[in-house]
Amino acid sequence: MERPLQIAFKNVDSSASLEALIRERVERLQRFHHNITGARVVVEIPHRSAEGAKPPLGIVVEVDIPGRNPVIGKGEQERREVKGDSTAIVNRVFEAVERQLEQIAAIRKGEVKQHGSAGDTGVVVRIFPDQSYGFIEVKDSPDLYFSRDVCGNSSFEEIKVGSLVHVTRATAEGPMGPQASSVKLMGASRSPS
């Protein structure tokens, strides 16, 4: 990595064992994905429960690779009294990031199967549900803009960052640049839970 790994603990005490696990998972990512330039991990308690119950533990992993926006994985899990119980959530979030990196590598190498002559396979890289639009990374193209209206039978709400989609490019650019005229979710979402 060009920049050192950054690990932050917010609203929760730092843990040497948790930090060691995070460093191990980042090293594993680097072994299989050599183009990682930086990584940041935040371990936090995202919200407090009014019930007085133990609040969940949240993990956010952000990985930088050249030529695109950061790959982000996040999740949360209820904390338990057993020490070291946060291993599962760390593994789950890092596995989600790894799947996204594999999809990006496959798209860049052209290994993702194309569906007929009209359309490409892409990965959703940014989505703004409140504004009903997002962007899709497609091989050999700038990110394509798409809106809720072009999702057809796929429910816009089911599409998440990291989802693999079949996209048909519009013939004309819109105000946001290159855009999609049709977006269909392929199988189940591959984004973090």
C-alpha atoms as a PDB file:
ATOM      1  CA  MET A   1       0.000   0.000   0.000  1.00  0.00           C
ATOM      2  CA  GLU A   2       1.132   3.517  -0.734  1.00  0.00           C
ATOM      3  CA  ARG A   3      -0.461   4.848   2.455  1.00  0.00           C
ATOM      4  CA  PRO A   4      -0.346   3.092   5.834  1.00  0.00           C
ATOM      5  CA  LEU A   5      -3.417   1.314   7.180  1.00  0.00           C
ATOM      6  CA  GLN A   6      -5.607   3.542   9.368  1.00  0.00           C
ATOM      7  CA  ILE A   7      -7.643   1.958  12.188  1.00  0.00           C
ATOM      8  CA  ALA A   8      -9.951   4.056  14.366  1.00  0.00           C
ATOM      9  CA  PHE A   9     -12.092   3.100  17.344  1.00  0.00           C
ATOM     10  CA  LYS A  10     -15.075   5.431  17.957  1.00  0.00           C
ATOM     11  CA  ASN A  11     -17.287   5.284  21.049  1.00  0.00           C
ATOM     12  CA  VAL A  12     -15.700   1.936  21.945  1.00  0.00           C
ATOM     13  CA  ASP A  13     -12.467   0.951  23.707  1.00  0.00           C
ATOM     14  CA  SER A  14      -9.651  -0.147  21.425  1.00  0.00           C
ATOM     15  CA  SER A  15      -8.798  -3.829  21.397  1.00  0.00           C
ATOM     16  CA  ALA A  16      -5.382  -5.270  20.601  1.00  0.00           C
ATOM     17  CA  SER A  17      -6.897  -8.576  19.448  1.00  0.00           C
ATOM     18  CA  LEU A  18      -9.434  -6.849  17.197  1.00  0.00           C
ATOM     19  CA  GLU A  19      -6.739  -4.600  15.747  1.00  0.00           C
ATOM     20  CA  ALA A  20      -4.529  -7.654  15.071  1.00  0.00           C
ATOM     21  CA  LEU A  21      -7.417  -9.394  13.275  1.00  0.00           C
ATOM     22  CA  ILE A  22      -8.049  -6.278  11.142  1.00  0.00           C
ATOM     23  CA  ARG A  23      -4.354  -6.038  10.210  1.00  0.00           C
ATOM     24  CA  GLU A  24      -4.339  -9.738   9.276  1.00  0.00           C
ATOM     25  CA  ARG A  25      -7.409  -9.312   7.041  1.00  0.00           C
ATOM     26  CA  VAL A  26      -5.902  -6.250   5.305  1.00  0.00           C
ATOM     27  CA  GLU A  27      -2.661  -8.189   4.672  1.00  0.00           C
ATOM     28  CA  ARG A  28      -4.726 -11.006   3.141  1.00  0.00           C
ATOM     29  CA  LEU A  29      -6.506  -8.514   0.862  1.00  0.00           C
ATOM     30  CA  GLN A  30      -3.128  -7.160  -0.254  1.00  0.00           C
ATOM     31  CA  ARG A  31      -1.841 -10.649  -1.120  1.00  0.00           C
ATOM     32  CA  PHE A  32      -4.715 -11.258  -3.537  1.00  0.00           C
ATOM     33  CA  HIS A  33      -5.361  -7.690  -4.735  1.00  0.00           C
ATOM     34  CA  HIS A  34      -1.981  -6.062  -5.384  1.00  0.00           C
ATOM     35  CA  ASN A  35      -3.351  -2.708  -6.579  1.00  0.00           C
ATOM     36  CA  ILE A  36      -4.646  -1.520  -3.166  1.00  0.00           C
ATOM     37  CA  THR A  37      -3.197   1.916  -2.401  1.00  0.00           C
ATOM     38  CA  GLY A  38      -4.739   2.540   1.029  1.00  0.00           C
ATOM     39  CA  ALA A  39      -7.209   1.234   3.598  1.00  0.00           C
ATOM     40  CA  ARG A  40      -9.166   2.658   6.502  1.00  0.00           C
ATOM     41  CA  VAL A  41     -11.142   0.743   9.128  1.00  0.00           C
ATOM     42  CA  VAL A  42     -13.501   2.253  11.687  1.00  0.00           C
ATOM     43  CA  VAL A  43     -14.805   0.198  14.613  1.00  0.00           C
ATOM     44  CA  GLU A  44     -17.642   1.960  16.400  1.00  0.00           C
ATOM     45  CA  ILE A  45     -20.858   1.771  18.315  1.00  0.00           C
ATOM     46  CA  PRO A  46     -23.096   3.435  15.712  1.00  0.00           C
ATOM     47  CA  HIS A  47     -26.056   4.231  17.966  1.00  0.00           C
ATOM     48  CA  ARG A  48     -27.222   3.850  21.527  1.00  0.00           C
ATOM     49  CA  SER A  49     -30.291   1.864  22.442  1.00  0.00           C
ATOM     50  CA  ALA A  50     -32.928   3.552  24.574  1.00  0.00           C
ATOM     51  CA  GLU A  51     -33.678   0.182  26.132  1.00  0.00           C
ATOM     52  CA  GLY A  52     -30.338   0.097  27.923  1.00  0.00           C
ATOM     53  CA  ALA A  53     -29.321  -3.059  26.058  1.00  0.00           C
ATOM     54  CA  LYS A  54     -25.777  -3.436  24.841  1.00  0.00           C
ATOM     55  CA  PRO A  55     -25.515  -1.428  21.583  1.00  0.00           C
ATOM     56  CA  PRO A  56     -24.300  -3.158  18.405  1.00  0.00           C
ATOM     57  CA  LEU A  57     -20.710  -3.035  17.178  1.00  0.00           C
ATOM     58  CA  GLY A  58     -20.265  -1.540  13.702  1.00  0.00           C
ATOM     59  CA  ILE A  59     -17.340  -1.995  11.311  1.00  0.00           C
ATOM     60  CA  VAL A  60     -16.651   0.080   8.183  1.00  0.00           C
ATOM     61  CA  VAL A  61     -13.829  -0.894   5.804  1.00  0.00           C
ATOM     62  CA  GLU A  62     -12.800   1.471   3.010  1.00  0.00           C
ATOM     63  CA  VAL A  63     -10.192   0.328   0.452  1.00  0.00           C
ATOM     64  CA  ASP A  64      -8.613   2.589  -2.178  1.00  0.00           C
ATOM     65  CA  ILE A  65      -7.648   1.273  -5.607  1.00  0.00           C
ATOM     66  CA  PRO A  66      -6.450   3.341  -8.575  1.00  0.00           C
ATOM     67  CA  GLY A  67      -8.948   4.715 -11.063  1.00  0.00           C
ATOM     68  CA  ARG A  68     -12.153   4.406  -9.068  1.00  0.00           C
ATOM     69  CA  ASN A  69     -13.984   5.401  -5.920  1.00  0.00           C
ATOM     70  CA  PRO A  70     -13.160   3.583  -2.672  1.00  0.00           C
ATOM     71  CA  VAL A  71     -14.568   0.082  -2.157  1.00  0.00           C
ATOM     72  CA  ILE A  72     -16.633   0.133   1.020  1.00  0.00           C
ATOM     73  CA  GLY A  73     -17.882  -2.686   3.208  1.00  0.00           C
ATOM     74  CA  LYS A  74     -19.837  -2.201   6.387  1.00  0.00           C
ATOM     75  CA  GLY A  75     -21.892  -4.135   8.868  1.00  0.00           C
ATOM     76  CA  GLU A  76     -22.930  -4.325  12.463  1.00  0.00           C
ATOM     77  CA  GLN A  77     -23.568  -7.079  14.947  1.00  0.00           C
ATOM     78  CA  GLU A  78     -25.058  -7.256  18.421  1.00  0.00           C
ATOM     79  CA  ARG A  79     -22.314  -7.470  21.004  1.00  0.00           C
ATOM     80  CA  ARG A  80     -22.217 -10.395  23.366  1.00  0.00           C
ATOM     81  CA  GLU A  81     -20.509 -10.974  26.646  1.00  0.00           C
ATOM     82  CA  VAL A  82     -18.082 -13.527  25.145  1.00  0.00           C
ATOM     83  CA  LYS A  83     -14.661 -11.993  24.517  1.00  0.00           C
ATOM     84  CA  GLY A  84     -13.487 -12.002  20.897  1.00  0.00           C
ATOM     85  CA  ASP A  85     -17.037 -12.361  19.589  1.00  0.00           C
ATOM     86  CA  SER A  86     -16.448  -9.563  17.056  1.00  0.00           C
ATOM     87  CA  THR A  87     -14.428 -11.902  14.802  1.00  0.00           C
ATOM     88  CA  ALA A  88     -17.538 -12.857  12.814  1.00  0.00           C
ATOM     89  CA  ILE A  89     -18.501  -9.293  11.903  1.00  0.00           C
ATOM     90  CA  VAL A  90     -14.917  -8.401  10.914  1.00  0.00           C
ATOM     91  CA  ASN A  91     -14.701 -11.479   8.690  1.00  0.00           C
ATOM     92  CA  ARG A  92     -18.117 -10.812   7.139  1.00  0.00           C
ATOM     93  CA  VAL A  93     -17.272  -7.190   6.244  1.00  0.00           C
ATOM     94  CA  PHE A  94     -13.842  -8.076   4.828  1.00  0.00           C
ATOM     95  CA  GLU A  95     -15.376 -10.920   2.768  1.00  0.00           C
ATOM     96  CA  ALA A  96     -17.840  -8.422   1.289  1.00  0.00           C
ATOM     97  CA  VAL A  97     -14.961  -6.085   0.351  1.00  0.00           C
ATOM     98  CA  GLU A  98     -13.063  -9.024  -1.155  1.00  0.00           C
ATOM     99  CA  ARG A  99     -16.089  -9.982  -3.310  1.00  0.00           C
ATOM    100  CA  GLN A 100     -16.337  -6.408  -4.577  1.00  0.00           C
ATOM    101  CA  LEU A 101     -12.606  -6.340  -5.417  1.00  0.00           C
ATOM    102  CA  GLU A 102     -12.960  -9.664  -7.277  1.00  0.00           C
ATOM    103  CA  GLN A 103     -15.906  -8.305  -9.282  1.00  0.00           C
ATOM    104  CA  ILE A 104     -13.961  -5.168 -10.181  1.00  0.00           C
ATOM    105  CA  ALA A 105     -10.936  -7.229 -11.260  1.00  0.00           C
ATOM    106  CA  ALA A 106     -13.144  -9.511 -13.378  1.00  0.00           C
ATOM    107  CA  ILE A 107     -14.817  -6.551 -15.093  1.00  0.00           C
ATOM    108  CA  ARG A 108     -11.467  -4.927 -15.804  1.00  0.00           C
ATOM    109  CA  LYS A 109     -10.074  -8.169 -17.254  1.00  0.00           C
ATOM    110  CA  GLY A 110     -13.229  -8.717 -19.310  1.00  0.00           C
ATOM    111  CA  GLU A 111     -13.938 -12.036 -17.576  1.00  0.00           C
ATOM    112  CA  VAL A 112     -17.535 -11.182 -16.673  1.00  0.00           C
ATOM    113  CA  LYS A 113     -19.931 -12.830 -19.104  1.00  0.00           C
ATOM    114  CA  GLN A 114     -21.664 -10.413 -21.458  1.00  0.00           C
ATOM    115  CA  HIS A 115     -25.386 -10.927 -22.039  1.00  0.00           C
ATOM    116  CA  GLY A 116     -26.066 -10.647 -25.725  1.00  0.00           C
ATOM    117  CA  SER A 117     -24.958  -7.805 -27.947  1.00  0.00           C
ATOM    118  CA  ALA A 118     -27.109  -5.155 -26.290  1.00  0.00           C
ATOM    119  CA  GLY A 119     -25.698  -4.482 -22.868  1.00  0.00           C
ATOM    120  CA  ASP A 120     -22.832  -4.862 -20.454  1.00  0.00           C
ATOM    121  CA  THR A 121     -22.244  -6.230 -17.007  1.00  0.00           C
ATOM    122  CA  GLY A 122     -21.287  -3.708 -14.355  1.00  0.00           C
ATOM    123  CA  VAL A 123     -20.950  -3.152 -10.631  1.00  0.00           C
ATOM    124  CA  VAL A 124     -22.902  -0.490  -8.747  1.00  0.00           C
ATOM    125  CA  VAL A 125     -20.221   1.793  -7.246  1.00  0.00           C
ATOM    126  CA  ARG A 126     -22.340   4.604  -5.760  1.00  0.00           C
ATOM    127  CA  ILE A 127     -26.025   4.846  -4.949  1.00  0.00           C
ATOM    128  CA  PHE A 128     -28.087   7.673  -3.507  1.00  0.00           C
ATOM    129  CA  PRO A 129     -31.448   6.122  -2.494  1.00  0.00           C
ATOM    130  CA  ASP A 130     -32.931   9.381  -1.198  1.00  0.00           C
ATOM    131  CA  GLN A 131     -32.336  11.046  -4.577  1.00  0.00           C
ATOM    132  CA  SER A 132     -33.260   7.887  -6.594  1.00  0.00           C
ATOM    133  CA  TYR A 133     -30.040   7.566  -8.626  1.00  0.00           C
ATOM    134  CA  GLY A 134     -26.632   5.910  -8.669  1.00  0.00           C
ATOM    135  CA  PHE A 135     -23.578   5.057 -10.772  1.00  0.00           C
ATOM    136  CA  ILE A 136     -22.365   1.808 -12.340  1.00  0.00           C
ATOM    137  CA  GLU A 137     -18.775   0.890 -13.234  1.00  0.00           C
ATOM    138  CA  VAL A 138     -18.553  -0.764 -16.643  1.00  0.00           C
ATOM    139  CA  LYS A 139     -15.357  -1.935 -18.368  1.00  0.00           C
ATOM    140  CA  ASP A 140     -13.729   0.620 -20.701  1.00  0.00           C
ATOM    141  CA  SER A 141     -16.198   3.368 -19.811  1.00  0.00           C
ATOM    142  CA  PRO A 142     -16.647   6.184 -17.329  1.00  0.00           C
ATOM    143  CA  ASP A 143     -19.159   5.371 -14.596  1.00  0.00           C
ATOM    144  CA  LEU A 144     -22.715   5.299 -15.963  1.00  0.00           C
ATOM    145  CA  TYR A 145     -25.469   7.301 -14.271  1.00  0.00           C
ATOM    146  CA  PHE A 146     -28.788   5.508 -13.662  1.00  0.00           C
ATOM    147  CA  SER A 147     -32.060   6.473 -12.020  1.00  0.00           C
ATOM    148  CA  ARG A 148     -34.959   4.604 -10.416  1.00  0.00           C
ATOM    149  CA  ASP A 149     -36.918   4.924 -13.690  1.00  0.00           C
ATOM    150  CA  VAL A 150     -34.546   2.677 -15.703  1.00  0.00           C
ATOM    151  CA  CYS A 151     -34.568  -0.238 -13.244  1.00  0.00           C
ATOM    152  CA  GLY A 152     -37.517  -1.982 -14.931  1.00  0.00           C
ATOM    153  CA  ASN A 153     -38.527  -5.179 -13.138  1.00  0.00           C
ATOM    154  CA  SER A 154     -35.636  -4.876 -10.679  1.00  0.00           C
ATOM    155  CA  SER A 155     -36.643  -2.945  -7.612  1.00  0.00           C
ATOM    156  CA  PHE A 156     -34.426   0.113  -7.123  1.00  0.00           C
ATOM    157  CA  GLU A 157     -34.473  -0.610  -3.362  1.00  0.00           C
ATOM    158  CA  GLU A 158     -32.808  -4.024  -3.927  1.00  0.00           C
ATOM    159  CA  ILE A 159     -29.813  -2.504  -5.734  1.00  0.00           C
ATOM    160  CA  LYS A 160     -26.904  -1.789  -3.379  1.00  0.00           C
ATOM    161  CA  VAL A 161     -23.237  -0.765  -3.713  1.00  0.00           C
ATOM    162  CA  GLY A 162     -21.431  -3.864  -4.990  1.00  0.00           C
ATOM    163  CA  SER A 163     -24.477  -5.307  -6.789  1.00  0.00           C
ATOM    164  CA  LEU A 164     -23.737  -6.944 -10.125  1.00  0.00           C
ATOM    165  CA  VAL A 165     -26.103  -5.572 -12.805  1.00  0.00           C
ATOM    166  CA  HIS A 166     -26.822  -5.921 -16.515  1.00  0.00           C
ATOM    167  CA  VAL A 167     -26.845  -2.451 -18.041  1.00  0.00           C
ATOM    168  CA  THR A 168     -27.805  -1.080 -21.449  1.00  0.00           C
ATOM    169  CA  ARG A 169     -26.159   2.216 -22.310  1.00  0.00           C
ATOM    170  CA  ALA A 170     -28.272   5.138 -23.499  1.00  0.00           C
ATOM    171  CA  THR A 171     -27.399   6.483 -26.949  1.00  0.00           C
ATOM    172  CA  ALA A 172     -27.204  10.078 -25.696  1.00  0.00           C
ATOM    173  CA  GLU A 173     -25.516  11.512 -22.624  1.00  0.00           C
ATOM    174  CA  GLY A 174     -27.602  13.137 -19.938  1.00  0.00           C
ATOM    175  CA  PRO A 175     -26.811  16.037 -17.598  1.00  0.00           C
ATOM    176  CA  MET A 176     -24.727  13.654 -15.419  1.00  0.00           C
ATOM    177  CA  GLY A 177     -22.686  12.346 -18.401  1.00  0.00           C
ATOM    178  CA  PRO A 178     -22.906   8.807 -19.829  1.00  0.00           C
ATOM    179  CA  GLN A 179     -26.063   7.111 -18.636  1.00  0.00           C
ATOM    180  CA  ALA A 180     -27.907   3.801 -18.645  1.00  0.00           C
ATOM    181  CA  SER A 181     -31.213   3.273 -20.408  1.00  0.00           C
ATOM    182  CA  SER A 182     -31.856  -0.049 -18.622  1.00  0.00           C
ATOM    183  CA  VAL A 183     -30.516  -1.623 -15.423  1.00  0.00           C
ATOM    184  CA  LYS A 184     -31.349  -5.146 -14.240  1.00  0.00           C
ATOM    185  CA  LEU A 185     -30.093  -6.755 -11.045  1.00  0.00           C
ATOM    186  CA  MET A 186     -28.234  -9.997 -11.715  1.00  0.00           C
ATOM    187  CA  GLY A 187     -29.026 -12.654  -9.103  1.00  0.00           C
ATOM    188  CA  ALA A 188     -28.777 -11.692  -5.454  1.00  0.00           C
ATOM    189  CA  SER A 189     -27.081  -8.545  -4.280  1.00  0.00           C
ATOM    190  CA  ARG A 190     -23.424  -9.088  -3.473  1.00  0.00           C
ATOM    191  CA  SER A 191     -23.109  -6.076  -1.241  1.00  0.00           C
ATOM    192  CA  PRO A 192     -22.404  -6.132   2.470  1.00  0.00           C
ATOM    193  CA  SER A 193     -25.311  -6.875   4.775  1.00  0.00           C
END
